Amino acid sequence: MAPRAIHHQAPTGALRAARQIEPDPTLRESVAELIDRETGLREILDLLEGIIAEAGDLIESRSPELVAHARTVIRIYGDESARQAE
């Protein structure tokens, strides 16, 4: 099996904020996780996923760019939130 490529994601808003708040790099991820949890990011992403699941075809027929952008946001921030929740 080939080694997995390293994939660097753009930092989330919470991680950027944590960098400004927390000088200790070892604590930044936990601060970012706290910011995400307190701002409701996970709930918003779940809601957006539900909307796309229920009405994605209707929305996509009118604005495919909007649905593509929403799926990209879910993929980027959803993956980051899932990693932080673990």
C-alpha atoms as a PDB file:
ATOM      1  CA  MET A   1       0.000   0.000   0.000  1.00  0.00           C
ATOM      2  CA  ALA A   2       1.314   3.431  -0.934  1.00  0.00           C
ATOM      3  CA  PRO A   3       1.907   5.920   1.872  1.00  0.00           C
ATOM      4  CA  ARG A   4      -0.949   8.305   2.439  1.00  0.00           C
ATOM      5  CA  ALA A   5      -0.406  11.803   1.095  1.00  0.00           C
ATOM      6  CA  ILE A   6      -0.342  14.515   3.706  1.00  0.00           C
ATOM      7  CA  HIS A   7      -3.340  16.766   3.247  1.00  0.00           C
ATOM      8  CA  HIS A   8      -3.241  20.179   4.863  1.00  0.00           C
ATOM      9  CA  GLN A   9      -6.568  21.900   5.277  1.00  0.00           C
ATOM     10  CA  ALA A  10      -6.962  25.589   5.620  1.00  0.00           C
ATOM     11  CA  PRO A  11      -7.375  26.422   9.295  1.00  0.00           C
ATOM     12  CA  THR A  12     -10.938  26.889  10.450  1.00  0.00           C
ATOM     13  CA  GLY A  13     -12.057  30.191  11.864  1.00  0.00           C
ATOM     14  CA  ALA A  14     -11.941  28.629  15.322  1.00  0.00           C
ATOM     15  CA  LEU A  15      -8.333  27.557  14.879  1.00  0.00           C
ATOM     16  CA  ARG A  16      -7.379  31.013  13.618  1.00  0.00           C
ATOM     17  CA  ALA A  17      -9.095  32.536  16.646  1.00  0.00           C
ATOM     18  CA  ALA A  18      -7.382  30.075  18.971  1.00  0.00           C
ATOM     19  CA  ARG A  19      -4.023  31.159  17.595  1.00  0.00           C
ATOM     20  CA  GLN A  20      -4.858  34.718  18.624  1.00  0.00           C
ATOM     21  CA  ILE A  21      -6.167  33.708  22.058  1.00  0.00           C
ATOM     22  CA  GLU A  22      -3.842  30.926  23.153  1.00  0.00           C
ATOM     23  CA  PRO A  23      -0.076  31.449  23.002  1.00  0.00           C
ATOM     24  CA  ASP A  24       0.637  27.798  23.919  1.00  0.00           C
ATOM     25  CA  PRO A  25       0.525  25.747  20.675  1.00  0.00           C
ATOM     26  CA  THR A  26      -0.244  22.543  22.592  1.00  0.00           C
ATOM     27  CA  LEU A  27      -3.538  24.016  23.831  1.00  0.00           C
ATOM     28  CA  ARG A  28      -4.753  25.607  20.598  1.00  0.00           C
ATOM     29  CA  GLU A  29      -6.675  22.600  19.295  1.00  0.00           C
ATOM     30  CA  SER A  30      -8.660  22.302  22.518  1.00  0.00           C
ATOM     31  CA  VAL A  31      -9.417  26.039  22.434  1.00  0.00           C
ATOM     32  CA  ALA A  32     -10.522  25.730  18.785  1.00  0.00           C
ATOM     33  CA  GLU A  33     -12.728  22.758  19.698  1.00  0.00           C
ATOM     34  CA  LEU A  34     -14.313  24.777  22.487  1.00  0.00           C
ATOM     35  CA  ILE A  35     -14.971  27.695  20.123  1.00  0.00           C
ATOM     36  CA  ASP A  36     -16.572  25.370  17.551  1.00  0.00           C
ATOM     37  CA  ARG A  37     -18.736  23.712  20.200  1.00  0.00           C
ATOM     38  CA  GLU A  38     -19.842  26.986  21.770  1.00  0.00           C
ATOM     39  CA  THR A  39     -20.624  28.625  18.432  1.00  0.00           C
ATOM     40  CA  GLY A  40     -22.711  25.657  17.325  1.00  0.00           C
ATOM     41  CA  LEU A  41     -20.647  24.833  14.215  1.00  0.00           C
ATOM     42  CA  ARG A  42     -21.420  21.100  14.441  1.00  0.00           C
ATOM     43  CA  GLU A  43     -25.159  21.775  14.713  1.00  0.00           C
ATOM     44  CA  ILE A  44     -25.074  24.145  11.744  1.00  0.00           C
ATOM     45  CA  LEU A  45     -23.225  21.582   9.632  1.00  0.00           C
ATOM     46  CA  ASP A  46     -25.717  18.867  10.623  1.00  0.00           C
ATOM     47  CA  LEU A  47     -28.581  21.179   9.677  1.00  0.00           C
ATOM     48  CA  LEU A  48     -26.984  21.991   6.324  1.00  0.00           C
ATOM     49  CA  GLU A  49     -26.439  18.284   5.616  1.00  0.00           C
ATOM     50  CA  GLY A  50     -30.105  17.640   6.418  1.00  0.00           C
ATOM     51  CA  ILE A  51     -31.299  20.400   4.105  1.00  0.00           C
ATOM     52  CA  ILE A  52     -29.185  19.049   1.252  1.00  0.00           C
ATOM     53  CA  ALA A  53     -30.383  15.500   1.929  1.00  0.00           C
ATOM     54  CA  GLU A  54     -34.041  16.569   1.881  1.00  0.00           C
ATOM     55  CA  ALA A  55     -34.068  19.278  -0.774  1.00  0.00           C
ATOM     56  CA  GLY A  56     -30.720  18.957  -2.535  1.00  0.00           C
ATOM     57  CA  ASP A  57     -32.220  17.960  -5.889  1.00  0.00           C
ATOM     58  CA  LEU A  58     -34.652  20.878  -5.865  1.00  0.00           C
ATOM     59  CA  ILE A  59     -31.966  23.371  -4.848  1.00  0.00           C
ATOM     60  CA  GLU A  60     -29.478  21.894  -7.321  1.00  0.00           C
ATOM     61  CA  SER A  61     -31.924  22.288 -10.207  1.00  0.00           C
ATOM     62  CA  ARG A  62     -32.041  26.023  -9.513  1.00  0.00           C
ATOM     63  CA  SER A  63     -28.506  26.675  -8.276  1.00  0.00           C
ATOM     64  CA  PRO A  64     -25.998  23.843  -8.718  1.00  0.00           C
ATOM     65  CA  GLU A  65     -23.193  26.179  -7.617  1.00  0.00           C
ATOM     66  CA  LEU A  66     -24.894  26.734  -4.257  1.00  0.00           C
ATOM     67  CA  VAL A  67     -25.214  23.013  -3.569  1.00  0.00           C
ATOM     68  CA  ALA A  68     -21.626  22.374  -4.682  1.00  0.00           C
ATOM     69  CA  HIS A  69     -20.396  25.127  -2.375  1.00  0.00           C
ATOM     70  CA  ALA A  70     -22.479  23.794   0.530  1.00  0.00           C
ATOM     71  CA  ARG A  71     -21.076  20.277   0.018  1.00  0.00           C
ATOM     72  CA  THR A  72     -17.546  21.693  -0.041  1.00  0.00           C
ATOM     73  CA  VAL A  73     -18.152  23.541   3.224  1.00  0.00           C
ATOM     74  CA  ILE A  74     -19.561  20.393   4.828  1.00  0.00           C
ATOM     75  CA  ARG A  75     -16.582  18.369   3.659  1.00  0.00           C
ATOM     76  CA  ILE A  76     -13.987  20.878   4.873  1.00  0.00           C
ATOM     77  CA  TYR A  77     -15.509  21.921   8.178  1.00  0.00           C
ATOM     78  CA  GLY A  78     -17.331  18.671   8.859  1.00  0.00           C
ATOM     79  CA  ASP A  79     -14.112  16.676   8.624  1.00  0.00           C
ATOM     80  CA  GLU A  80     -12.348  19.153  10.907  1.00  0.00           C
ATOM     81  CA  SER A  81     -15.191  19.083  13.454  1.00  0.00           C
ATOM     82  CA  ALA A  82     -15.327  15.296  13.412  1.00  0.00           C
ATOM     83  CA  ARG A  83     -11.583  15.097  14.079  1.00  0.00           C
ATOM     84  CA  GLN A  84     -11.841  17.589  16.925  1.00  0.00           C
ATOM     85  CA  ALA A  85     -14.792  15.732  18.465  1.00  0.00           C
ATOM     86  CA  GLU A  86     -12.765  12.508  18.666  1.00  0.00           C
END
